[in-house]
């Protein structure tokens, strides 16, 4: 009975480690995408903020 408990505990801890690895890989991919598309994202944000500023001045 004690051996079964140990096996279940080991399985649970292994699954937690896999989840952490998956989260780290997702973060690496997202950071990579941000680095690749940095210029496009900056231009997009600038355009959106300028439109907001123009429309707020007309109110």
PDB file of N, CA and C in Angstrom:
ATOM      1  N   UNK A   1       0.827  -1.196   0.000  1.00  0.00           N
ATOM      2  CA  UNK A   1       0.000   0.000   0.000  1.00  0.00           C
ATOM      3  C   UNK A   1       0.865   1.252   0.000  1.00  0.00           C
ATOM      4  N   UNK A   2       1.946   1.245   0.788  1.00  0.00           N
ATOM      5  CA  UNK A   2       2.850   2.382   0.839  1.00  0.00           C
ATOM      6  C   UNK A   2       3.566   2.595  -0.491  1.00  0.00           C
ATOM      7  N   UNK A   3       3.855   1.474  -1.190  1.00  0.00           N
ATOM      8  CA  UNK A   3       4.524   1.567  -2.479  1.00  0.00           C
ATOM      9  C   UNK A   3       3.628   2.252  -3.506  1.00  0.00           C
ATOM     10  N   UNK A   4       2.335   1.979  -3.465  1.00  0.00           N
ATOM     11  CA  UNK A   4       1.378   2.594  -4.376  1.00  0.00           C
ATOM     12  C   UNK A   4       1.306   4.097  -4.133  1.00  0.00           C
ATOM     13  N   UNK A   5       1.305   4.488  -2.877  1.00  0.00           N
ATOM     14  CA  UNK A   5       1.282   5.917  -2.549  1.00  0.00           C
ATOM     15  C   UNK A   5       2.514   6.615  -3.106  1.00  0.00           C
ATOM     16  N   UNK A   6       3.662   5.981  -2.959  1.00  0.00           N
ATOM     17  CA  UNK A   6       4.896   6.570  -3.483  1.00  0.00           C
ATOM     18  C   UNK A   6       4.842   6.719  -5.001  1.00  0.00           C
ATOM     19  N   UNK A   7       4.284   5.737  -5.692  1.00  0.00           N
ATOM     20  CA  UNK A   7       4.165   5.817  -7.146  1.00  0.00           C
ATOM     21  C   UNK A   7       3.239   6.962  -7.562  1.00  0.00           C
ATOM     22  N   UNK A   8       2.138   7.129  -6.836  1.00  0.00           N
ATOM     23  CA  UNK A   8       1.204   8.209  -7.155  1.00  0.00           C
ATOM     24  C   UNK A   8       1.860   9.564  -6.914  1.00  0.00           C
ATOM     25  N   UNK A   9       2.583   9.692  -5.820  1.00  0.00           N
ATOM     26  CA  UNK A   9       3.275  10.959  -5.522  1.00  0.00           C
ATOM     27  C   UNK A   9       4.307  11.275  -6.596  1.00  0.00           C
ATOM     28  N   UNK A  10       5.072  10.281  -7.019  1.00  0.00           N
ATOM     29  CA  UNK A  10       6.068  10.498  -8.059  1.00  0.00           C
ATOM     30  C   UNK A  10       5.406  10.925  -9.367  1.00  0.00           C
ATOM     31  N   UNK A  11       4.281  10.310  -9.703  1.00  0.00           N
ATOM     32  CA  UNK A  11       3.570  10.660 -10.933  1.00  0.00           C
ATOM     33  C   UNK A  11       3.081  12.093 -10.882  1.00  0.00           C
ATOM     34  N   UNK A  12       2.552  12.504  -9.742  1.00  0.00           N
ATOM     35  CA  UNK A  12       2.043  13.873  -9.600  1.00  0.00           C
ATOM     36  C   UNK A  12       3.177  14.881  -9.725  1.00  0.00           C
ATOM     37  N   UNK A  13       4.302  14.604  -9.095  1.00  0.00           N
ATOM     38  CA  UNK A  13       5.426  15.544  -9.179  1.00  0.00           C
ATOM     39  C   UNK A  13       5.999  15.601 -10.588  1.00  0.00           C
ATOM     40  N   UNK A  14       5.990  14.494 -11.309  1.00  0.00           N
ATOM     41  CA  UNK A  14       6.453  14.500 -12.694  1.00  0.00           C
ATOM     42  C   UNK A  14       5.544  15.365 -13.557  1.00  0.00           C
ATOM     43  N   UNK A  15       4.252  15.282 -13.365  1.00  0.00           N
ATOM     44  CA  UNK A  15       3.309  16.069 -14.154  1.00  0.00           C
ATOM     45  C   UNK A  15       3.484  17.558 -13.882  1.00  0.00           C
ATOM     46  N   UNK A  16       3.776  17.936 -12.649  1.00  0.00           N
ATOM     47  CA  UNK A  16       4.011  19.341 -12.338  1.00  0.00           C
ATOM     48  C   UNK A  16       5.227  19.866 -13.079  1.00  0.00           C
ATOM     49  N   UNK A  17       6.265  19.054 -13.160  1.00  0.00           N
ATOM     50  CA  UNK A  17       7.476  19.474 -13.855  1.00  0.00           C
ATOM     51  C   UNK A  17       7.205  19.670 -15.338  1.00  0.00           C
ATOM     52  N   UNK A  18       6.391  18.828 -15.922  1.00  0.00           N
ATOM     53  CA  UNK A  18       6.048  18.968 -17.337  1.00  0.00           C
ATOM     54  C   UNK A  18       5.274  20.253 -17.546  1.00  0.00           C
ATOM     55  N   UNK A  19       4.387  20.600 -16.663  1.00  0.00           N
ATOM     56  CA  UNK A  19       3.624  21.834 -16.782  1.00  0.00           C
ATOM     57  C   UNK A  19       4.516  23.060 -16.741  1.00  0.00           C
ATOM     58  N   UNK A  20       5.517  23.034 -15.886  1.00  0.00           N
ATOM     59  CA  UNK A  20       6.454  24.154 -15.786  1.00  0.00           C
ATOM     60  C   UNK A  20       7.242  24.282 -17.078  1.00  0.00           C
ATOM     61  N   UNK A  21       7.688  23.169 -17.634  1.00  0.00           N
ATOM     62  CA  UNK A  21       8.441  23.193 -18.884  1.00  0.00           C
ATOM     63  C   UNK A  21       7.575  23.746 -20.011  1.00  0.00           C
ATOM     64  N   UNK A  22       6.319  23.345 -20.059  1.00  0.00           N
ATOM     65  CA  UNK A  22       5.416  23.844 -21.095  1.00  0.00           C
ATOM     66  C   UNK A  22       5.224  25.348 -20.967  1.00  0.00           C
ATOM     67  N   UNK A  23       5.041  25.843 -19.761  1.00  0.00           N
ATOM     68  CA  UNK A  23       4.871  27.276 -19.551  1.00  0.00           C
ATOM     69  C   UNK A  23       6.123  28.031 -19.974  1.00  0.00           C
ATOM     70  N   UNK A  24       7.291  27.511 -19.643  1.00  0.00           N
ATOM     71  CA  UNK A  24       8.545  28.166 -20.027  1.00  0.00           C
ATOM     72  C   UNK A  24       8.680  28.197 -21.554  1.00  0.00           C
ATOM     73  N   UNK A  25       8.333  27.111 -22.225  1.00  0.00           N
ATOM     74  CA  UNK A  25       8.412  27.083 -23.689  1.00  0.00           C
ATOM     75  C   UNK A  25       7.450  28.071 -24.321  1.00  0.00           C
ATOM     76  N   UNK A  26       6.249  28.175 -23.784  1.00  0.00           N
ATOM     77  CA  UNK A  26       5.274  29.137 -24.306  1.00  0.00           C
ATOM     78  C   UNK A  26       5.791  30.559 -24.131  1.00  0.00           C
ATOM     79  N   UNK A  27       6.360  30.866 -22.963  1.00  0.00           N
ATOM     80  CA  UNK A  27       6.920  32.198 -22.729  1.00  0.00           C
ATOM     81  C   UNK A  27       8.065  32.495 -23.685  1.00  0.00           C
ATOM     82  N   UNK A  28       8.913  31.512 -23.944  1.00  0.00           N
ATOM     83  CA  UNK A  28      10.026  31.715 -24.875  1.00  0.00           C
ATOM     84  C   UNK A  28       9.509  32.024 -26.272  1.00  0.00           C
ATOM     85  N   UNK A  29       8.496  31.308 -26.710  1.00  0.00           N
ATOM     86  CA  UNK A  29       7.916  31.552 -28.032  1.00  0.00           C
ATOM     87  C   UNK A  29       7.294  32.941 -28.092  1.00  0.00           C
ATOM     88  N   UNK A  30       6.543  33.338 -27.065  1.00  0.00           N
ATOM     89  CA  UNK A  30       5.927  34.660 -27.058  1.00  0.00           C
ATOM     90  C   UNK A  30       6.968  35.768 -27.063  1.00  0.00           C
ATOM     91  N   UNK A  31       8.010  35.625 -26.273  1.00  0.00           N
ATOM     92  CA  UNK A  31       9.074  36.627 -26.247  1.00  0.00           C
ATOM     93  C   UNK A  31       9.760  36.690 -27.610  1.00  0.00           C
ATOM     94  N   UNK A  32       9.971  35.554 -28.223  1.00  0.00           N
ATOM     95  CA  UNK A  32      10.562  35.535 -29.560  1.00  0.00           C
ATOM     96  C   UNK A  32       9.702  36.253 -30.578  1.00  0.00           C
ATOM     97  N   UNK A  33       8.388  36.038 -30.523  1.00  0.00           N
ATOM     98  CA  UNK A  33       7.484  36.726 -31.444  1.00  0.00           C
ATOM     99  C   UNK A  33       7.502  38.229 -31.218  1.00  0.00           C
ATOM    100  N   UNK A  34       7.540  38.645 -29.971  1.00  0.00           N
ATOM    101  CA  UNK A  34       7.592  40.080 -29.677  1.00  0.00           C
ATOM    102  C   UNK A  34       8.882  40.684 -30.222  1.00  0.00           C
ATOM    103  N   UNK A  35       9.992  39.983 -30.069  1.00  0.00           N
ATOM    104  CA  UNK A  35      11.267  40.487 -30.586  1.00  0.00           C
ATOM    105  C   UNK A  35      11.238  40.565 -32.108  1.00  0.00           C
ATOM    106  N   UNK A  36      10.682  39.553 -32.759  1.00  0.00           N
ATOM    107  CA  UNK A  36      10.632  39.530 -34.218  1.00  0.00           C
ATOM    108  C   UNK A  36       9.746  40.654 -34.756  1.00  0.00           C
ATOM    109  N   UNK A  37       8.581  40.860 -34.146  1.00  0.00           N
ATOM    110  CA  UNK A  37       7.618  41.830 -34.659  1.00  0.00           C
ATOM    111  C   UNK A  37       7.617  43.128 -33.859  1.00  0.00           C
ATOM    112  N   UNK A  38       8.731  43.465 -33.236  1.00  0.00           N
ATOM    113  CA  UNK A  38       8.810  44.647 -32.378  1.00  0.00           C
ATOM    114  C   UNK A  38       8.472  45.922 -33.138  1.00  0.00           C
ATOM    115  N   UNK A  39       9.047  46.100 -34.310  1.00  0.00           N
ATOM    116  CA  UNK A  39       8.805  47.317 -35.086  1.00  0.00           C
ATOM    117  C   UNK A  39       7.340  47.436 -35.499  1.00  0.00           C
ATOM    118  N   UNK A  40       6.758  46.339 -35.956  1.00  0.00           N
ATOM    119  CA  UNK A  40       5.359  46.371 -36.372  1.00  0.00           C
ATOM    120  C   UNK A  40       4.443  46.671 -35.192  1.00  0.00           C
ATOM    121  N   UNK A  41       4.733  46.073 -34.032  1.00  0.00           N
ATOM    122  CA  UNK A  41       3.910  46.318 -32.845  1.00  0.00           C
ATOM    123  C   UNK A  41       4.034  47.765 -32.383  1.00  0.00           C
ATOM    124  N   UNK A  42       5.247  48.323 -32.446  1.00  0.00           N
ATOM    125  CA  UNK A  42       5.458  49.712 -32.046  1.00  0.00           C
ATOM    126  C   UNK A  42       4.684  50.651 -32.961  1.00  0.00           C
ATOM    127  N   UNK A  43       4.741  50.411 -34.275  1.00  0.00           N
ATOM    128  CA  UNK A  43       3.995  51.249 -35.218  1.00  0.00           C
ATOM    129  C   UNK A  43       2.498  51.148 -34.983  1.00  0.00           C
ATOM    130  N   UNK A  44       2.010  49.950 -34.714  1.00  0.00           N
ATOM    131  CA  UNK A  44       0.585  49.750 -34.465  1.00  0.00           C
ATOM    132  C   UNK A  44       0.125  50.523 -33.236  1.00  0.00           C
ATOM    133  N   UNK A  45       0.887  50.441 -32.158  1.00  0.00           N
ATOM    134  CA  UNK A  45       0.521  51.138 -30.923  1.00  0.00           C
ATOM    135  C   UNK A  45       0.562  52.650 -31.138  1.00  0.00           C
ATOM    136  N   UNK A  46       1.576  53.140 -31.853  1.00  0.00           N
ATOM    137  CA  UNK A  46       1.667  54.577 -32.129  1.00  0.00           C
ATOM    138  C   UNK A  46       0.468  55.054 -32.937  1.00  0.00           C
ATOM    139  N   UNK A  47       0.067  54.272 -33.953  1.00  0.00           N
ATOM    140  CA  UNK A  47      -1.090  54.644 -34.767  1.00  0.00           C
ATOM    141  C   UNK A  47      -2.365  54.687 -33.933  1.00  0.00           C
ATOM    142  N   UNK A  48      -2.542  53.702 -33.092  1.00  0.00           N
ATOM    143  CA  UNK A  48      -3.747  53.653 -32.256  1.00  0.00           C
ATOM    144  C   UNK A  48      -3.778  54.833 -31.293  1.00  0.00           C
ATOM    145  N   UNK A  49      -2.643  55.133 -30.658  1.00  0.00           N
ATOM    146  CA  UNK A  49      -2.600  56.253 -29.719  1.00  0.00           C
ATOM    147  C   UNK A  49      -2.800  57.590 -30.416  1.00  0.00           C
ATOM    148  N   UNK A  50      -2.279  57.748 -31.629  1.00  0.00           N
ATOM    149  CA  UNK A  50      -2.490  59.006 -32.340  1.00  0.00           C
ATOM    150  C   UNK A  50      -3.952  59.178 -32.733  1.00  0.00           C
ATOM    151  N   UNK A  51      -4.616  58.104 -33.122  1.00  0.00           N
ATOM    152  CA  UNK A  51      -6.048  58.182 -33.437  1.00  0.00           C
ATOM    153  C   UNK A  51      -6.856  58.538 -32.200  1.00  0.00           C
ATOM    154  N   UNK A  52      -6.506  57.957 -31.072  1.00  0.00           N
ATOM    155  CA  UNK A  52      -7.211  58.264 -29.834  1.00  0.00           C
ATOM    156  C   UNK A  52      -7.022  59.721 -29.482  1.00  0.00           C
ATOM    157  N   UNK A  53      -5.794  60.231 -29.640  1.00  0.00           N
ATOM    158  CA  UNK A  53      -5.508  61.633 -29.327  1.00  0.00           C
ATOM    159  C   UNK A  53      -6.294  62.557 -30.249  1.00  0.00           C
ATOM    160  N   UNK A  54      -6.322  62.276 -31.545  1.00  0.00           N
ATOM    161  CA  UNK A  54      -7.083  63.109 -32.505  1.00  0.00           C
ATOM    162  C   UNK A  54      -8.557  63.111 -32.165  1.00  0.00           C
ATOM    163  N   UNK A  55      -9.105  61.951 -31.850  1.00  0.00           N
ATOM    164  CA  UNK A  55     -10.541  61.870 -31.572  1.00  0.00           C
ATOM    165  C   UNK A  55     -10.880  62.517 -30.224  1.00  0.00           C
ATOM    166  N   UNK A  56      -9.975  62.473 -29.280  1.00  0.00           N
ATOM    167  CA  UNK A  56     -10.262  63.106 -27.993  1.00  0.00           C
ATOM    168  C   UNK A  56     -10.195  64.625 -28.109  1.00  0.00           C
ATOM    169  N   UNK A  57      -9.393  65.147 -29.018  1.00  0.00           N
ATOM    170  CA  UNK A  57      -9.323  66.591 -29.227  1.00  0.00           C
ATOM    171  C   UNK A  57     -10.576  67.121 -29.890  1.00  0.00           C
ATOM    172  N   UNK A  58     -11.273  66.301 -30.646  1.00  0.00           N
ATOM    173  CA  UNK A  58     -12.472  66.762 -31.346  1.00  0.00           C
ATOM    174  C   UNK A  58     -13.695  66.804 -30.430  1.00  0.00           C
ATOM    175  N   UNK A  59     -13.608  66.216 -29.263  1.00  0.00           N
ATOM    176  CA  UNK A  59     -14.747  66.193 -28.343  1.00  0.00           C
ATOM    177  C   UNK A  59     -14.912  67.482 -27.636  1.00  0.00           C
TER     178      UNK A  59
END
